[in-house]
Amino acid sequence: MHEMWVGADAAGGGLVWHVVAADTATTLCGQSRQHDGVAGHDSTDRHCLECMSALQNILQTPTGA
């Protein structure tokens, strides 16, 4: 299971939605998931392209591969 988390853009361009696998401390793009100062759900409509690409690869991989 994966969840979305609002955090800093790796390029320093503000806030973006990242993808985090359940029970992990890092996003799919490798950023540390920090709980202090987490913004609300309405802070951004932008997404981390690296996380979204990684999630797409996970979802397209056949089960049991």
N, C-alpha and C. Protein backbone atom coordinates (compact mmCIF):
# COMPACT_ATOMS: atom_id res chain seq x y z
N MET A 1 0.84 -1.17 0.00
CA MET A 1 0.00 0.00 0.00
C MET A 1 0.89 1.24 0.00
N HIS A 2 0.44 2.26 -0.69
CA HIS A 2 1.16 3.52 -0.76
C HIS A 2 0.25 4.66 -0.33
N GLU A 3 0.85 5.74 0.14
CA GLU A 3 0.09 6.91 0.52
C GLU A 3 0.79 8.16 -0.01
N MET A 4 0.03 9.23 -0.08
CA MET A 4 0.57 10.50 -0.55
C MET A 4 0.95 11.35 0.66
N TRP A 5 2.00 12.13 0.52
CA TRP A 5 2.51 12.96 1.60
C TRP A 5 3.02 14.27 1.01
N VAL A 6 2.64 15.38 1.60
CA VAL A 6 3.11 16.69 1.13
C VAL A 6 4.46 16.98 1.77
N GLY A 7 5.43 17.31 0.93
CA GLY A 7 6.76 17.64 1.41
C GLY A 7 7.47 18.54 0.43
N ALA A 8 8.69 18.87 0.76
CA ALA A 8 9.48 19.79 -0.05
C ALA A 8 9.86 19.15 -1.38
N ASP A 9 9.87 19.98 -2.42
CA ASP A 9 10.36 19.56 -3.74
C ASP A 9 11.87 19.43 -3.65
N ALA A 10 12.43 18.36 -4.18
CA ALA A 10 13.87 18.14 -4.13
C ALA A 10 14.65 19.28 -4.79
N ALA A 11 14.04 19.91 -5.79
CA ALA A 11 14.70 21.00 -6.50
C ALA A 11 14.55 22.33 -5.77
N GLY A 12 13.86 22.33 -4.64
CA GLY A 12 13.69 23.55 -3.86
C GLY A 12 12.62 24.47 -4.37
N GLY A 13 11.68 23.93 -5.15
CA GLY A 13 10.64 24.76 -5.75
C GLY A 13 9.33 24.79 -4.99
N GLY A 14 9.34 24.57 -3.70
CA GLY A 14 8.12 24.62 -2.92
C GLY A 14 7.67 23.23 -2.49
N LEU A 15 6.37 23.08 -2.31
CA LEU A 15 5.80 21.82 -1.83
C LEU A 15 5.21 21.01 -2.97
N VAL A 16 5.33 19.69 -2.86
CA VAL A 16 4.77 18.76 -3.83
C VAL A 16 4.22 17.55 -3.08
N TRP A 17 3.37 16.79 -3.75
CA TRP A 17 2.91 15.51 -3.22
C TRP A 17 3.93 14.44 -3.55
N HIS A 18 4.36 13.70 -2.53
CA HIS A 18 5.28 12.57 -2.69
C HIS A 18 4.50 11.29 -2.45
N VAL A 19 5.06 10.17 -2.89
CA VAL A 19 4.48 8.86 -2.64
C VAL A 19 5.36 8.14 -1.61
N VAL A 20 4.71 7.57 -0.60
CA VAL A 20 5.41 6.85 0.46
C VAL A 20 4.82 5.45 0.58
N ALA A 21 5.67 4.43 0.59
CA ALA A 21 5.19 3.07 0.85
C ALA A 21 4.82 2.99 2.32
N ALA A 22 3.80 2.21 2.62
CA ALA A 22 3.32 2.08 3.99
C ALA A 22 4.46 1.67 4.93
N ASP A 23 4.48 2.29 6.08
CA ASP A 23 5.44 1.96 7.15
C ASP A 23 6.90 2.19 6.77
N THR A 24 7.16 3.16 5.89
CA THR A 24 8.54 3.52 5.57
C THR A 24 8.79 4.97 5.95
N ALA A 25 10.04 5.31 6.10
CA ALA A 25 10.42 6.65 6.51
C ALA A 25 10.90 7.51 5.34
N THR A 26 10.93 6.93 4.13
CA THR A 26 11.39 7.69 2.98
C THR A 26 10.37 7.61 1.84
N THR A 27 10.37 8.64 1.03
CA THR A 27 9.50 8.68 -0.14
C THR A 27 10.10 7.82 -1.24
N LEU A 28 9.34 7.57 -2.30
CA LEU A 28 9.86 6.76 -3.40
C LEU A 28 11.03 7.44 -4.11
N CYS A 29 11.13 8.76 -3.97
CA CYS A 29 12.26 9.47 -4.58
C CYS A 29 13.46 9.55 -3.63
N GLY A 30 13.30 8.99 -2.41
CA GLY A 30 14.43 8.91 -1.49
C GLY A 30 14.51 9.99 -0.45
N GLN A 31 13.55 10.90 -0.41
CA GLN A 31 13.58 11.94 0.61
C GLN A 31 13.14 11.39 1.95
N SER A 32 13.72 11.93 3.00
CA SER A 32 13.33 11.56 4.35
C SER A 32 11.96 12.15 4.65
N ARG A 33 11.07 11.35 5.14
CA ARG A 33 9.71 11.80 5.48
C ARG A 33 9.75 12.41 6.88
N GLN A 34 9.57 13.72 6.93
CA GLN A 34 9.63 14.44 8.20
C GLN A 34 8.23 14.84 8.62
N HIS A 35 7.93 14.65 9.90
CA HIS A 35 6.59 14.94 10.39
C HIS A 35 6.45 16.37 10.91
N ASP A 36 7.54 17.03 11.24
CA ASP A 36 7.41 18.39 11.74
C ASP A 36 7.24 19.37 10.59
N GLY A 37 6.29 20.26 10.73
CA GLY A 37 6.06 21.27 9.70
C GLY A 37 5.35 20.75 8.47
N VAL A 38 4.70 19.61 8.55
CA VAL A 38 3.99 19.04 7.41
C VAL A 38 2.83 19.95 7.05
N ALA A 39 2.71 20.26 5.79
CA ALA A 39 1.65 21.15 5.31
C ALA A 39 0.34 20.38 5.16
N GLY A 40 -0.74 21.12 5.07
CA GLY A 40 -2.05 20.52 4.89
C GLY A 40 -2.27 20.04 3.47
N HIS A 41 -3.35 19.29 3.29
CA HIS A 41 -3.66 18.71 1.98
C HIS A 41 -3.94 19.75 0.90
N ASP A 42 -4.32 20.95 1.30
CA ASP A 42 -4.64 21.99 0.31
C ASP A 42 -3.46 22.89 0.00
N SER A 43 -2.24 22.50 0.40
CA SER A 43 -1.06 23.34 0.21
C SER A 43 -0.55 23.37 -1.21
N THR A 44 -0.81 22.31 -1.98
CA THR A 44 -0.27 22.22 -3.34
C THR A 44 -1.09 21.25 -4.18
N ASP A 45 -1.03 21.45 -5.47
CA ASP A 45 -1.62 20.48 -6.40
C ASP A 45 -0.52 19.90 -7.29
N ARG A 46 0.74 20.17 -6.95
CA ARG A 46 1.88 19.66 -7.71
C ARG A 46 2.30 18.30 -7.16
N HIS A 47 2.90 17.47 -8.02
CA HIS A 47 3.35 16.13 -7.64
C HIS A 47 4.83 15.96 -7.95
N CYS A 48 5.51 15.19 -7.15
CA CYS A 48 6.91 14.85 -7.37
C CYS A 48 6.98 13.90 -8.57
N LEU A 49 7.59 14.33 -9.64
CA LEU A 49 7.65 13.52 -10.86
C LEU A 49 8.45 12.24 -10.65
N GLU A 50 9.49 12.30 -9.83
CA GLU A 50 10.29 11.10 -9.58
C GLU A 50 9.47 10.06 -8.81
N CYS A 51 8.69 10.50 -7.81
CA CYS A 51 7.82 9.58 -7.07
C CYS A 51 6.75 8.99 -7.98
N MET A 52 6.15 9.83 -8.80
CA MET A 52 5.07 9.36 -9.67
C MET A 52 5.60 8.37 -10.70
N SER A 53 6.80 8.59 -11.21
CA SER A 53 7.40 7.67 -12.16
C SER A 53 7.71 6.33 -11.49
N ALA A 54 8.24 6.39 -10.27
CA ALA A 54 8.54 5.16 -9.53
C ALA A 54 7.26 4.39 -9.23
N LEU A 55 6.19 5.09 -8.85
CA LEU A 55 4.92 4.43 -8.58
C LEU A 55 4.36 3.78 -9.84
N GLN A 56 4.48 4.46 -10.96
CA GLN A 56 4.01 3.90 -12.23
C GLN A 56 4.76 2.60 -12.54
N ASN A 57 6.06 2.58 -12.32
CA ASN A 57 6.85 1.36 -12.54
C ASN A 57 6.40 0.24 -11.62
N ILE A 58 6.11 0.55 -10.37
CA ILE A 58 5.64 -0.46 -9.41
C ILE A 58 4.32 -1.03 -9.88
N LEU A 59 3.40 -0.16 -10.30
CA LEU A 59 2.07 -0.60 -10.68
C LEU A 59 2.07 -1.38 -12.00
N GLN A 60 3.04 -1.14 -12.87
CA GLN A 60 3.10 -1.83 -14.14
C GLN A 60 3.86 -3.14 -14.08
N THR A 61 4.56 -3.39 -12.97
CA THR A 61 5.31 -4.63 -12.82
C THR A 61 4.32 -5.76 -12.52
N PRO A 62 4.35 -6.81 -13.33
CA PRO A 62 3.43 -7.93 -13.08
C PRO A 62 3.66 -8.53 -11.69
N THR A 63 2.58 -8.93 -11.03
CA THR A 63 2.68 -9.55 -9.71
C THR A 63 3.46 -10.86 -9.82
N GLY A 64 4.37 -11.04 -8.88
CA GLY A 64 5.18 -12.25 -8.88
C GLY A 64 6.40 -12.17 -9.77
N ALA A 65 6.67 -10.99 -10.34
CA ALA A 65 7.83 -10.85 -11.22
C ALA A 65 9.10 -10.69 -10.43
